Amino acid sequence: MSYLHLLTEYLLNQFPWWKGSQLRYEPVQKTLYVCCQRLCKQKILLQEVEAIARLEIGVERFIITVPRSVDIVIECQPDGYQLNAGQLVQ
């Protein structure tokens, strides 16, 4: 089993609304790109920002795209989180 396969299974268990998303992992930058094709409301994603940012799974950055919406960049930090889409920074 590859790292991406394990990561995908874990994320789908934690965030079932990501089902059907396309994931691409860049190991050098430790960045996970997630293209959410079926997520129709970005509000669902914004409710999970803190949970995503607190993951300690070897990913430093999530770049999440949702059709007809602004891309969301979440920097993973165990003690806090940061959302770079102009909305929220902590």
PDB file of N, CA and C in Angstrom:
ATOM      1  N   MET A   1       0.829  -1.173   0.000  1.00  0.00           N
ATOM      2  CA  MET A   1       0.000   0.000   0.000  1.00  0.00           C
ATOM      3  C   MET A   1       0.878   1.242   0.000  1.00  0.00           C
ATOM      4  N   SER A   2       0.566   2.200  -0.836  1.00  0.00           N
ATOM      5  CA  SER A   2       1.363   3.420  -0.917  1.00  0.00           C
ATOM      6  C   SER A   2       0.937   4.419   0.165  1.00  0.00           C
ATOM      7  N   TYR A   3       1.807   5.386   0.403  1.00  0.00           N
ATOM      8  CA  TYR A   3       1.512   6.438   1.377  1.00  0.00           C
ATOM      9  C   TYR A   3       0.240   7.186   0.979  1.00  0.00           C
ATOM     10  N   LEU A   4       0.100   7.514  -0.302  1.00  0.00           N
ATOM     11  CA  LEU A   4      -1.070   8.249  -0.764  1.00  0.00           C
ATOM     12  C   LEU A   4      -2.344   7.444  -0.561  1.00  0.00           C
ATOM     13  N   HIS A   5      -2.274   6.136  -0.786  1.00  0.00           N
ATOM     14  CA  HIS A   5      -3.444   5.293  -0.586  1.00  0.00           C
ATOM     15  C   HIS A   5      -3.852   5.284   0.897  1.00  0.00           C
ATOM     16  N   LEU A   6      -2.890   5.116   1.783  1.00  0.00           N
ATOM     17  CA  LEU A   6      -3.180   5.145   3.221  1.00  0.00           C
ATOM     18  C   LEU A   6      -3.719   6.501   3.650  1.00  0.00           C
ATOM     19  N   LEU A   7      -3.111   7.556   3.145  1.00  0.00           N
ATOM     20  CA  LEU A   7      -3.542   8.906   3.470  1.00  0.00           C
ATOM     21  C   LEU A   7      -4.977   9.150   3.000  1.00  0.00           C
ATOM     22  N   THR A   8      -5.278   8.691   1.809  1.00  0.00           N
ATOM     23  CA  THR A   8      -6.629   8.846   1.257  1.00  0.00           C
ATOM     24  C   THR A   8      -7.648   8.119   2.118  1.00  0.00           C
ATOM     25  N   GLU A   9      -7.353   6.885   2.487  1.00  0.00           N
ATOM     26  CA  GLU A   9      -8.274   6.111   3.321  1.00  0.00           C
ATOM     27  C   GLU A   9      -8.498   6.791   4.673  1.00  0.00           C
ATOM     28  N   TYR A  10      -7.424   7.288   5.266  1.00  0.00           N
ATOM     29  CA  TYR A  10      -7.538   7.969   6.559  1.00  0.00           C
ATOM     30  C   TYR A  10      -8.393   9.224   6.434  1.00  0.00           C
ATOM     31  N   LEU A  11      -8.116  10.051   5.424  1.00  0.00           N
ATOM     32  CA  LEU A  11      -8.857  11.299   5.253  1.00  0.00           C
ATOM     33  C   LEU A  11     -10.331  11.054   4.953  1.00  0.00           C
ATOM     34  N   LEU A  12     -10.629  10.033   4.165  1.00  0.00           N
ATOM     35  CA  LEU A  12     -12.030   9.717   3.878  1.00  0.00           C
ATOM     36  C   LEU A  12     -12.757   9.238   5.127  1.00  0.00           C
ATOM     37  N   ASN A  13     -12.047   8.589   6.013  1.00  0.00           N
ATOM     38  CA  ASN A  13     -12.646   8.169   7.279  1.00  0.00           C
ATOM     39  C   ASN A  13     -12.923   9.378   8.172  1.00  0.00           C
ATOM     40  N   GLN A  14     -11.989  10.322   8.202  1.00  0.00           N
ATOM     41  CA  GLN A  14     -12.134  11.513   9.040  1.00  0.00           C
ATOM     42  C   GLN A  14     -13.104  12.546   8.443  1.00  0.00           C
ATOM     43  N   PHE A  15     -13.083  12.675   7.121  1.00  0.00           N
ATOM     44  CA  PHE A  15     -13.872  13.690   6.424  1.00  0.00           C
ATOM     45  C   PHE A  15     -14.615  13.043   5.260  1.00  0.00           C
ATOM     46  N   PRO A  16     -15.729  12.373   5.525  1.00  0.00           N
ATOM     47  CA  PRO A  16     -16.433  11.618   4.480  1.00  0.00           C
ATOM     48  C   PRO A  16     -16.921  12.471   3.310  1.00  0.00           C
ATOM     49  N   TRP A  17     -17.064  13.757   3.502  1.00  0.00           N
ATOM     50  CA  TRP A  17     -17.509  14.630   2.415  1.00  0.00           C
ATOM     51  C   TRP A  17     -16.433  14.810   1.340  1.00  0.00           C
ATOM     52  N   TRP A  18     -15.197  14.300   1.581  1.00  0.00           N
ATOM     53  CA  TRP A  18     -14.141  14.339   0.569  1.00  0.00           C
ATOM     54  C   TRP A  18     -14.252  13.179  -0.416  1.00  0.00           C
ATOM     55  N   LYS A  19     -15.227  12.319  -0.223  1.00  0.00           N
ATOM     56  CA  LYS A  19     -15.382  11.173  -1.125  1.00  0.00           C
ATOM     57  C   LYS A  19     -15.539  11.671  -2.557  1.00  0.00           C
ATOM     58  N   GLY A  20     -14.819  11.058  -3.458  1.00  0.00           N
ATOM     59  CA  GLY A  20     -14.849  11.455  -4.861  1.00  0.00           C
ATOM     60  C   GLY A  20     -13.849  12.535  -5.218  1.00  0.00           C
ATOM     61  N   SER A  21     -13.100  13.021  -4.229  1.00  0.00           N
ATOM     62  CA  SER A  21     -12.091  14.050  -4.488  1.00  0.00           C
ATOM     63  C   SER A  21     -10.842  13.425  -5.089  1.00  0.00           C
ATOM     64  N   GLN A  22     -10.114  14.224  -5.836  1.00  0.00           N
ATOM     65  CA  GLN A  22      -8.838  13.782  -6.393  1.00  0.00           C
ATOM     66  C   GLN A  22      -7.726  14.341  -5.514  1.00  0.00           C
ATOM     67  N   LEU A  23      -6.819  13.472  -5.085  1.00  0.00           N
ATOM     68  CA  LEU A  23      -5.715  13.884  -4.230  1.00  0.00           C
ATOM     69  C   LEU A  23      -4.395  13.699  -4.957  1.00  0.00           C
ATOM     70  N   ARG A  24      -3.506  14.653  -4.747  1.00  0.00           N
ATOM     71  CA  ARG A  24      -2.145  14.564  -5.287  1.00  0.00           C
ATOM     72  C   ARG A  24      -1.195  15.049  -4.197  1.00  0.00           C
ATOM     73  N   TYR A  25      -0.194  14.239  -3.897  1.00  0.00           N
ATOM     74  CA  TYR A  25       0.752  14.575  -2.833  1.00  0.00           C
ATOM     75  C   TYR A  25       2.105  14.924  -3.431  1.00  0.00           C
ATOM     76  N   GLU A  26       2.655  16.058  -3.001  1.00  0.00           N
ATOM     77  CA  GLU A  26       3.993  16.482  -3.404  1.00  0.00           C
ATOM     78  C   GLU A  26       4.911  16.283  -2.194  1.00  0.00           C
ATOM     79  N   PRO A  27       5.697  15.177  -2.170  1.00  0.00           N
ATOM     80  CA  PRO A  27       6.490  14.862  -0.978  1.00  0.00           C
ATOM     81  C   PRO A  27       7.573  15.878  -0.644  1.00  0.00           C
ATOM     82  N   VAL A  28       8.162  16.527  -1.630  1.00  0.00           N
ATOM     83  CA  VAL A  28       9.236  17.485  -1.345  1.00  0.00           C
ATOM     84  C   VAL A  28       8.687  18.676  -0.559  1.00  0.00           C
ATOM     85  N   GLN A  29       7.542  19.205  -0.992  1.00  0.00           N
ATOM     86  CA  GLN A  29       6.925  20.340  -0.302  1.00  0.00           C
ATOM     87  C   GLN A  29       6.001  19.902   0.830  1.00  0.00           C
ATOM     88  N   LYS A  30       5.773  18.594   0.938  1.00  0.00           N
ATOM     89  CA  LYS A  30       4.829  18.037   1.914  1.00  0.00           C
ATOM     90  C   LYS A  30       3.463  18.709   1.789  1.00  0.00           C
ATOM     91  N   THR A  31       3.023  18.815   0.533  1.00  0.00           N
ATOM     92  CA  THR A  31       1.762  19.474   0.220  1.00  0.00           C
ATOM     93  C   THR A  31       0.801  18.471  -0.383  1.00  0.00           C
ATOM     94  N   LEU A  32      -0.441  18.512   0.087  1.00  0.00           N
ATOM     95  CA  LEU A  32      -1.494  17.661  -0.451  1.00  0.00           C
ATOM     96  C   LEU A  32      -2.489  18.547  -1.188  1.00  0.00           C
ATOM     97  N   TYR A  33      -2.660  18.267  -2.472  1.00  0.00           N
ATOM     98  CA  TYR A  33      -3.637  18.977  -3.291  1.00  0.00           C
ATOM     99  C   TYR A  33      -4.909  18.148  -3.319  1.00  0.00           C
ATOM    100  N   VAL A  34      -6.021  18.784  -3.002  1.00  0.00           N
ATOM    101  CA  VAL A  34      -7.307  18.101  -2.969  1.00  0.00           C
ATOM    102  C   VAL A  34      -8.264  18.851  -3.882  1.00  0.00           C
ATOM    103  N   CYS A  35      -8.768  18.166  -4.888  1.00  0.00           N
ATOM    104  CA  CYS A  35      -9.753  18.747  -5.793  1.00  0.00           C
ATOM    105  C   CYS A  35     -11.106  18.131  -5.443  1.00  0.00           C
ATOM    106  N   CYS A  36     -11.938  18.906  -4.766  1.00  0.00           N
ATOM    107  CA  CYS A  36     -13.254  18.437  -4.307  1.00  0.00           C
ATOM    108  C   CYS A  36     -14.282  18.648  -5.411  1.00  0.00           C
ATOM    109  N   GLN A  37     -14.536  17.640  -6.186  1.00  0.00           N
ATOM    110  CA  GLN A  37     -15.475  17.741  -7.296  1.00  0.00           C
ATOM    111  C   GLN A  37     -16.922  17.756  -6.829  1.00  0.00           C
ATOM    112  N   ARG A  38     -17.213  17.040  -5.744  1.00  0.00           N
ATOM    113  CA  ARG A  38     -18.604  16.869  -5.324  1.00  0.00           C
ATOM    114  C   ARG A  38     -19.013  17.769  -4.169  1.00  0.00           C
ATOM    115  N   LEU A  39     -18.085  18.512  -3.620  1.00  0.00           N
ATOM    116  CA  LEU A  39     -18.415  19.392  -2.501  1.00  0.00           C
ATOM    117  C   LEU A  39     -19.086  20.635  -3.056  1.00  0.00           C
ATOM    118  N   CYS A  40     -20.376  20.769  -2.827  1.00  0.00           N
ATOM    119  CA  CYS A  40     -21.107  21.884  -3.415  1.00  0.00           C
ATOM    120  C   CYS A  40     -21.167  23.090  -2.483  1.00  0.00           C
ATOM    121  N   LYS A  41     -20.899  22.899  -1.208  1.00  0.00           N
ATOM    122  CA  LYS A  41     -20.939  24.022  -0.266  1.00  0.00           C
ATOM    123  C   LYS A  41     -19.603  24.141   0.436  1.00  0.00           C
ATOM    124  N   GLN A  42     -18.922  25.242   0.192  1.00  0.00           N
ATOM    125  CA  GLN A  42     -17.627  25.476   0.816  1.00  0.00           C
ATOM    126  C   GLN A  42     -17.794  25.641   2.332  1.00  0.00           C
ATOM    127  N   LYS A  43     -18.982  25.958   2.775  1.00  0.00           N
ATOM    128  CA  LYS A  43     -19.271  26.123   4.204  1.00  0.00           C
ATOM    129  C   LYS A  43     -18.903  24.867   4.991  1.00  0.00           C
ATOM    130  N   ILE A  44     -19.161  23.705   4.417  1.00  0.00           N
ATOM    131  CA  ILE A  44     -18.821  22.432   5.078  1.00  0.00           C
ATOM    132  C   ILE A  44     -17.319  22.370   5.320  1.00  0.00           C
ATOM    133  N   LEU A  45     -16.549  22.726   4.318  1.00  0.00           N
ATOM    134  CA  LEU A  45     -15.087  22.707   4.427  1.00  0.00           C
ATOM    135  C   LEU A  45     -14.604  23.698   5.483  1.00  0.00           C
ATOM    136  N   LEU A  46     -15.164  24.896   5.493  1.00  0.00           N
ATOM    137  CA  LEU A  46     -14.724  25.922   6.439  1.00  0.00           C
ATOM    138  C   LEU A  46     -14.992  25.509   7.886  1.00  0.00           C
ATOM    139  N   GLN A  47     -15.987  24.676   8.115  1.00  0.00           N
ATOM    140  CA  GLN A  47     -16.266  24.187   9.458  1.00  0.00           C
ATOM    141  C   GLN A  47     -15.201  23.197   9.926  1.00  0.00           C
ATOM    142  N   GLU A  48     -14.455  22.630   8.999  1.00  0.00           N
ATOM    143  CA  GLU A  48     -13.456  21.608   9.324  1.00  0.00           C
ATOM    144  C   GLU A  48     -12.019  22.109   9.260  1.00  0.00           C
ATOM    145  N   VAL A  49     -11.818  23.406   9.042  1.00  0.00           N
ATOM    146  CA  VAL A  49     -10.470  23.948   8.867  1.00  0.00           C
ATOM    147  C   VAL A  49      -9.574  23.612  10.057  1.00  0.00           C
ATOM    148  N   GLU A  50     -10.052  23.827  11.249  1.00  0.00           N
ATOM    149  CA  GLU A  50      -9.220  23.575  12.423  1.00  0.00           C
ATOM    150  C   GLU A  50      -8.843  22.103  12.537  1.00  0.00           C
ATOM    151  N   ALA A  51      -9.790  21.220  12.299  1.00  0.00           N
ATOM    152  CA  ALA A  51      -9.511  19.778  12.370  1.00  0.00           C
ATOM    153  C   ALA A  51      -8.480  19.371  11.325  1.00  0.00           C
ATOM    154  N   ILE A  52      -8.571  19.927  10.133  1.00  0.00           N
ATOM    155  CA  ILE A  52      -7.610  19.620   9.074  1.00  0.00           C
ATOM    156  C   ILE A  52      -6.230  20.150   9.453  1.00  0.00           C
ATOM    157  N   ALA A  53      -6.182  21.379   9.942  1.00  0.00           N
ATOM    158  CA  ALA A  53      -4.902  22.012  10.283  1.00  0.00           C
ATOM    159  C   ALA A  53      -4.186  21.308  11.426  1.00  0.00           C
ATOM    160  N   ARG A  54      -4.912  20.667  12.293  1.00  0.00           N
ATOM    161  CA  ARG A  54      -4.299  20.005  13.452  1.00  0.00           C
ATOM    162  C   ARG A  54      -3.843  18.573  13.164  1.00  0.00           C
ATOM    163  N   LEU A  55      -4.076  18.094  11.951  1.00  0.00           N
ATOM    164  CA  LEU A  55      -3.635  16.749  11.592  1.00  0.00           C
ATOM    165  C   LEU A  55      -2.117  16.667  11.628  1.00  0.00           C
ATOM    166  N   GLU A  56      -1.605  15.615  12.203  1.00  0.00           N
ATOM    167  CA  GLU A  56      -0.160  15.363  12.221  1.00  0.00           C
ATOM    168  C   GLU A  56       0.087  14.092  11.422  1.00  0.00           C
ATOM    169  N   ILE A  57       0.073  14.228  10.108  1.00  0.00           N
ATOM    170  CA  ILE A  57       0.150  13.065   9.223  1.00  0.00           C
ATOM    171  C   ILE A  57       1.256  13.206   8.181  1.00  0.00           C
ATOM    172  N   GLY A  58       2.187  14.129   8.418  1.00  0.00           N
ATOM    173  CA  GLY A  58       3.287  14.304   7.478  1.00  0.00           C
ATOM    174  C   GLY A  58       2.983  15.272   6.352  1.00  0.00           C
ATOM    175  N   VAL A  59       1.862  15.955   6.442  1.00  0.00           N
ATOM    176  CA  VAL A  59       1.485  16.963   5.442  1.00  0.00           C
ATOM    177  C   VAL A  59       1.606  18.318   6.118  1.00  0.00           C
ATOM    178  N   GLU A  60       2.320  19.246   5.471  1.00  0.00           N
ATOM    179  CA  GLU A  60       2.472  20.584   6.039  1.00  0.00           C
ATOM    180  C   GLU A  60       1.444  21.557   5.484  1.00  0.00           C
ATOM    181  N   ARG A  61       0.908  21.266   4.301  1.00  0.00           N
ATOM    182  CA  ARG A  61       0.008  22.206   3.648  1.00  0.00           C
ATOM    183  C   ARG A  61      -1.038  21.450   2.839  1.00  0.00           C
ATOM    184  N   PHE A  62      -2.277  21.861   2.969  1.00  0.00           N
ATOM    185  CA  PHE A  62      -3.362  21.376   2.132  1.00  0.00           C
ATOM    186  C   PHE A  62      -3.761  22.512   1.205  1.00  0.00           C
ATOM    187  N   ILE A  63      -3.863  22.229  -0.073  1.00  0.00           N
ATOM    188  CA  ILE A  63      -4.413  23.183  -1.029  1.00  0.00           C
ATOM    189  C   ILE A  63      -5.673  22.533  -1.568  1.00  0.00           C
ATOM    190  N   ILE A  64      -6.804  23.133  -1.235  1.00  0.00           N
ATOM    191  CA  ILE A  64      -8.102  22.533  -1.534  1.00  0.00           C
ATOM    192  C   ILE A  64      -8.831  23.399  -2.547  1.00  0.00           C
ATOM    193  N   THR A  65      -9.253  22.767  -3.629  1.00  0.00           N
ATOM    194  CA  THR A  65     -10.017  23.479  -4.641  1.00  0.00           C
ATOM    195  C   THR A  65     -11.436  22.931  -4.680  1.00  0.00           C
ATOM    196  N   VAL A  66     -12.364  23.846  -4.815  1.00  0.00           N
ATOM    197  CA  VAL A  66     -13.784  23.523  -4.920  1.00  0.00           C
ATOM    198  C   VAL A  66     -14.286  24.249  -6.167  1.00  0.00           C
ATOM    199  N   PRO A  67     -15.024  23.561  -7.046  1.00  0.00           N
ATOM    200  CA  PRO A  67     -15.519  24.224  -8.260  1.00  0.00           C
ATOM    201  C   PRO A  67     -16.276  25.512  -7.948  1.00  0.00           C
ATOM    202  N   ARG A  68     -16.048  26.521  -8.756  1.00  0.00           N
ATOM    203  CA  ARG A  68     -16.707  27.821  -8.645  1.00  0.00           C
ATOM    204  C   ARG A  68     -16.482  28.473  -7.284  1.00  0.00           C
ATOM    205  N   SER A  69     -15.285  28.320  -6.742  1.00  0.00           N
ATOM    206  CA  SER A  69     -14.965  28.883  -5.436  1.00  0.00           C
ATOM    207  C   SER A  69     -13.472  29.206  -5.374  1.00  0.00           C
ATOM    208  N   VAL A  70     -13.079  29.936  -4.360  1.00  0.00           N
ATOM    209  CA  VAL A  70     -11.678  30.296  -4.145  1.00  0.00           C
ATOM    210  C   VAL A  70     -10.931  29.095  -3.578  1.00  0.00           C
ATOM    211  N   ASP A  71      -9.699  28.875  -4.048  1.00  0.00           N
ATOM    212  CA  ASP A  71      -8.868  27.815  -3.470  1.00  0.00           C
ATOM    213  C   ASP A  71      -8.569  28.152  -2.011  1.00  0.00           C
ATOM    214  N   ILE A  72      -8.484  27.122  -1.198  1.00  0.00           N
ATOM    215  CA  ILE A  72      -8.191  27.305   0.219  1.00  0.00           C
ATOM    216  C   ILE A  72      -6.854  26.637   0.518  1.00  0.00           C
ATOM    217  N   VAL A  73      -5.975  27.383   1.184  1.00  0.00           N
ATOM    218  CA  VAL A  73      -4.677  26.853   1.598  1.00  0.00           C
ATOM    219  C   VAL A  73      -4.687  26.773   3.113  1.00  0.00           C
ATOM    220  N   ILE A  74      -4.457  25.578   3.635  1.00  0.00           N
ATOM    221  CA  ILE A  74      -4.421  25.376   5.080  1.00  0.00           C
ATOM    222  C   ILE A  74      -3.014  24.931   5.454  1.00  0.00           C
ATOM    223  N   GLU A  75      -2.360  25.732   6.282  1.00  0.00           N
ATOM    224  CA  GLU A  75      -1.036  25.391   6.795  1.00  0.00           C
ATOM    225  C   GLU A  75      -1.231  24.556   8.054  1.00  0.00           C
ATOM    226  N   CYS A  76      -0.672  23.370   8.085  1.00  0.00           N
ATOM    227  CA  CYS A  76      -0.832  22.487   9.242  1.00  0.00           C
ATOM    228  C   CYS A  76       0.091  22.919  10.364  1.00  0.00           C
ATOM    229  N   GLN A  77      -0.488  23.114  11.520  1.00  0.00           N
ATOM    230  CA  GLN A  77       0.246  23.495  12.713  1.00  0.00           C
ATOM    231  C   GLN A  77      -0.423  22.811  13.891  1.00  0.00           C
ATOM    232  N   PRO A  78       0.285  21.970  14.603  1.00  0.00           N
ATOM    233  CA  PRO A  78      -0.333  21.245  15.718  1.00  0.00           C
ATOM    234  C   PRO A  78      -0.901  22.165  16.798  1.00  0.00           C
ATOM    235  N   ASP A  79      -0.291  23.329  17.012  1.00  0.00           N
ATOM    236  CA  ASP A  79      -0.725  24.217  18.096  1.00  0.00           C
ATOM    237  C   ASP A  79      -1.632  25.346  17.627  1.00  0.00           C
ATOM    238  N   GLY A  80      -1.937  25.405  16.371  1.00  0.00           N
ATOM    239  CA  GLY A  80      -2.779  26.463  15.836  1.00  0.00           C
ATOM    240  C   GLY A  80      -3.015  26.208  14.379  1.00  0.00           C
ATOM    241  N   TYR A  81      -3.697  27.122  13.739  1.00  0.00           N
ATOM    242  CA  TYR A  81      -3.935  26.929  12.315  1.00  0.00           C
ATOM    243  C   TYR A  81      -4.005  28.258  11.601  1.00  0.00           C
ATOM    244  N   GLN A  82      -3.868  28.177  10.283  1.00  0.00           N
ATOM    245  CA  GLN A  82      -3.876  29.371   9.464  1.00  0.00           C
ATOM    246  C   GLN A  82      -4.554  29.056   8.151  1.00  0.00           C
ATOM    247  N   LEU A  83      -5.498  29.879   7.771  1.00  0.00           N
ATOM    248  CA  LEU A  83      -6.212  29.732   6.518  1.00  0.00           C
ATOM    249  C   LEU A  83      -5.857  30.904   5.633  1.00  0.00           C
ATOM    250  N   ASN A  84      -5.301  30.654   4.466  1.00  0.00           N
ATOM    251  CA  ASN A  84      -4.875  31.711   3.564  1.00  0.00           C
ATOM    252  C   ASN A  84      -5.836  31.834   2.394  1.00  0.00           C
ATOM    253  N   ALA A  85      -6.978  32.385   2.635  1.00  0.00           N
ATOM    254  CA  ALA A  85      -7.901  32.689   1.558  1.00  0.00           C
ATOM    255  C   ALA A  85      -8.517  34.047   1.836  1.00  0.00           C
ATOM    256  N   GLY A  86      -7.839  34.822   2.651  1.00  0.00           N
ATOM    257  CA  GLY A  86      -8.303  36.137   2.991  1.00  0.00           C
ATOM    258  C   GLY A  86      -9.362  36.147   4.093  1.00  0.00           C
ATOM    259  N   GLN A  87      -9.739  34.986   4.599  1.00  0.00           N
ATOM    260  CA  GLN A  87     -10.815  34.959   5.578  1.00  0.00           C
ATOM    261  C   GLN A  87     -10.315  34.858   7.023  1.00  0.00           C
ATOM    262  N   LEU A  88      -9.372  33.982   7.278  1.00  0.00           N
ATOM    263  CA  LEU A  88      -9.087  33.657   8.665  1.00  0.00           C
ATOM    264  C   LEU A  88      -7.608  33.386   8.859  1.00  0.00           C
ATOM    265  N   VAL A  89      -7.019  34.017   9.858  1.00  0.00           N
ATOM    266  CA  VAL A  89      -5.637  33.728  10.225  1.00  0.00           C
ATOM    267  C   VAL A  89      -5.574  33.737  11.740  1.00  0.00           C
ATOM    268  N   GLN A  90      -5.009  32.710  12.315  1.00  0.00           N
ATOM    269  CA  GLN A  90      -4.849  32.632  13.767  1.00  0.00           C
ATOM    270  C   GLN A  90      -3.440  32.315  14.131  1.00  0.00           C
TER     271      GLN A  90
END
